[in-house]
Amino acid sequence: MIKTETIGWKEIVDLPDLGIHGVAAKVDTGARTSVLHCSHIQLIKKGRKQYVEFRPLDDGHQPPTGTYTLPFHSERKIKNSFGQAENRYIINTTVSLFGEQHRIEISLRDRSGMEFPMLLGRSFHGKRFVVDVARSNLSAKSVSNKR
């Protein structure tokens, strides 16, 4: 049997591989793919390998974190909230909830002006977590209760 935790409609998450902590994330049961707010997103080549260069969370969601360069995982056509398809670069990284780290695929997109800099889509939370839309920040509360 798969162990499932309950998460709320919004959670505070960490992205430990990127050294980023305390990111406000909306748990989006309507979105398939998770997304992180970034700017200056570009595909670059180093030798024979491709990388994605980007600046996460640089518009007031958190102090600027600098420019990151990660291995290019894939590019996908993803429908935005208006139903328009757009190409987005995908990275593989780790997200931390309930004090545990989970692998996650994240699409990179400029989410300027959006309330939440990150969305957690169904491909991440679908089989791991049950979403209670009446509650929020359950992971942070759980971790603080363990201390």
Protein backbone atom coordinates (compact mmCIF):
# COMPACT_ATOMS: atom_id res chain seq x y z
CA MET A 1 0.00 0.00 0.00
CA ILE A 2 1.22 3.49 -0.83
CA LYS A 3 1.74 5.81 2.14
CA THR A 4 -0.20 9.04 1.70
CA GLU A 5 -0.11 12.24 3.70
CA THR A 6 -2.76 14.93 3.58
CA ILE A 7 -1.75 18.31 2.19
CA GLY A 8 -3.74 21.51 2.11
CA TRP A 9 -4.70 23.70 -0.82
CA LYS A 10 -1.49 25.66 -0.24
CA GLU A 11 1.80 24.60 1.29
CA ILE A 12 5.22 26.06 2.07
CA VAL A 13 7.89 23.96 0.33
CA ASP A 14 11.67 23.86 0.09
CA LEU A 15 13.72 23.17 -3.03
CA PRO A 16 16.88 21.86 -1.35
CA ASP A 17 18.80 21.12 -4.57
CA LEU A 18 18.49 24.82 -5.41
CA GLY A 19 19.09 26.04 -1.87
CA ILE A 20 15.68 27.72 -1.85
CA HIS A 21 13.46 27.55 1.23
CA GLY A 22 10.00 28.74 2.20
CA VAL A 23 8.35 28.88 -1.23
CA ALA A 24 4.59 29.44 -1.21
CA ALA A 25 3.04 26.75 -3.43
CA LYS A 26 -0.57 26.31 -4.47
CA VAL A 27 -1.62 22.68 -4.72
CA ASP A 28 -3.34 22.69 -8.11
CA THR A 29 -5.53 19.65 -8.73
CA GLY A 30 -6.38 21.01 -12.17
CA ALA A 31 -2.80 21.26 -13.40
CA ARG A 32 -0.90 18.17 -14.49
CA THR A 33 2.60 19.66 -14.35
CA SER A 34 4.20 21.57 -11.48
CA VAL A 35 5.59 25.01 -12.28
CA LEU A 36 8.06 27.44 -10.68
CA HIS A 37 8.22 31.17 -11.30
CA CYS A 38 11.43 32.06 -13.13
CA SER A 39 12.77 34.74 -15.41
CA HIS A 40 15.60 34.86 -17.96
CA ILE A 41 14.83 31.27 -19.01
CA GLN A 42 17.02 30.06 -21.84
CA LEU A 43 18.46 26.88 -23.28
CA ILE A 44 22.25 26.93 -23.52
CA LYS A 45 24.82 24.48 -24.80
CA LYS A 46 28.06 23.56 -23.05
CA GLY A 47 30.13 21.24 -25.16
CA ARG A 48 27.74 18.58 -26.40
CA LYS A 49 25.26 18.92 -23.53
CA GLN A 50 22.25 21.18 -23.19
CA TYR A 51 21.36 23.08 -20.03
CA VAL A 52 18.57 25.39 -18.90
CA GLU A 53 19.65 28.70 -17.41
CA PHE A 54 17.12 30.64 -15.30
CA ARG A 55 16.57 32.97 -12.35
CA PRO A 56 13.97 31.66 -9.89
CA LEU A 57 11.77 33.81 -7.67
CA ASP A 58 13.25 37.16 -8.57
CA ASP A 59 10.31 39.55 -8.36
CA GLY A 60 9.56 39.98 -4.71
CA HIS A 61 8.46 36.46 -3.82
CA GLN A 62 11.77 36.01 -2.04
CA PRO A 63 15.20 37.66 -2.14
CA PRO A 64 16.87 37.15 -5.52
CA THR A 65 18.65 33.83 -5.64
CA GLY A 66 20.90 34.33 -8.64
CA THR A 67 21.14 32.44 -11.90
CA TYR A 68 20.99 28.65 -12.01
CA THR A 69 22.17 26.30 -14.73
CA LEU A 70 20.74 22.78 -14.64
CA PRO A 71 20.82 19.88 -17.08
CA PHE A 72 18.08 20.12 -19.71
CA HIS A 73 15.51 17.39 -19.03
CA SER A 74 12.83 18.02 -21.65
CA GLU A 75 10.59 20.54 -23.33
CA ARG A 76 6.82 20.13 -23.33
CA LYS A 77 3.76 21.79 -24.69
CA ILE A 78 1.73 22.78 -21.65
CA LYS A 79 -1.60 24.57 -21.58
CA ASN A 80 -1.56 27.68 -19.45
CA SER A 81 -4.49 28.79 -17.26
CA PHE A 82 -6.09 30.43 -20.32
CA GLY A 83 -6.01 27.17 -22.29
CA GLN A 84 -3.24 28.31 -24.66
CA ALA A 85 -0.46 25.81 -25.38
CA GLU A 86 3.09 27.01 -24.81
CA ASN A 87 6.48 25.32 -24.84
CA ARG A 88 8.19 25.11 -21.46
CA TYR A 89 11.51 23.74 -20.31
CA ILE A 90 11.33 21.04 -17.65
CA ILE A 91 13.90 20.40 -14.92
CA ASN A 92 14.24 17.53 -12.45
CA THR A 93 14.86 18.51 -8.85
CA THR A 94 13.78 17.77 -5.29
CA VAL A 95 10.97 19.28 -3.22
CA SER A 96 10.70 18.89 0.54
CA LEU A 97 7.36 18.38 2.32
CA PHE A 98 6.77 16.91 5.81
CA GLY A 99 10.54 16.85 6.28
CA GLU A 100 10.91 14.35 3.42
CA GLN A 101 12.44 14.93 0.00
CA HIS A 102 10.60 13.92 -3.18
CA ARG A 103 11.76 13.99 -6.79
CA ILE A 104 9.74 16.37 -8.94
CA GLU A 105 9.58 17.57 -12.55
CA ILE A 106 9.03 21.32 -12.69
CA SER A 107 8.27 23.47 -15.70
CA LEU A 108 9.84 26.93 -15.71
CA ARG A 109 7.64 29.92 -16.52
CA ASP A 110 7.40 33.62 -15.77
CA ARG A 111 4.57 33.87 -13.22
CA SER A 112 5.01 37.59 -12.50
CA GLY A 113 1.94 39.01 -10.87
CA MET A 114 0.64 35.62 -9.74
CA GLU A 115 -0.10 35.15 -6.03
CA PHE A 116 1.83 31.86 -5.80
CA PRO A 117 5.31 31.52 -7.31
CA MET A 118 4.87 27.74 -7.51
CA LEU A 119 2.12 25.30 -8.38
CA LEU A 120 2.23 21.63 -7.40
CA GLY A 121 0.52 19.65 -10.16
CA ARG A 122 -1.16 16.24 -10.17
CA SER A 123 1.86 14.41 -11.56
CA PHE A 124 3.61 15.27 -8.28
CA HIS A 125 0.88 15.01 -5.64
CA GLY A 126 -1.53 12.58 -7.32
CA LYS A 127 -0.34 9.30 -5.81
CA ARG A 128 1.62 10.65 -2.85
CA PHE A 129 -0.83 12.98 -1.16
CA VAL A 130 -4.52 13.50 -0.49
CA VAL A 131 -5.55 17.15 -0.91
CA ASP A 132 -7.83 18.67 1.74
CA VAL A 133 -9.00 21.92 0.16
CA ALA A 134 -10.34 23.21 3.49
CA ARG A 135 -6.87 23.20 5.10
CA SER A 136 -3.49 24.78 4.42
CA ASN A 137 0.20 24.59 5.32
CA LEU A 138 -0.10 21.10 6.82
CA SER A 139 3.51 20.21 6.01
CA ALA A 140 4.94 23.20 7.87
CA LYS A 141 2.66 22.54 10.86
CA SER A 142 3.70 18.87 10.90
CA VAL A 143 7.41 19.65 10.78
CA SER A 144 7.14 22.29 13.55
CA ASN A 145 5.20 19.82 15.74
CA LYS A 146 8.04 17.28 15.41
CA ARG A 147 10.62 19.76 16.78
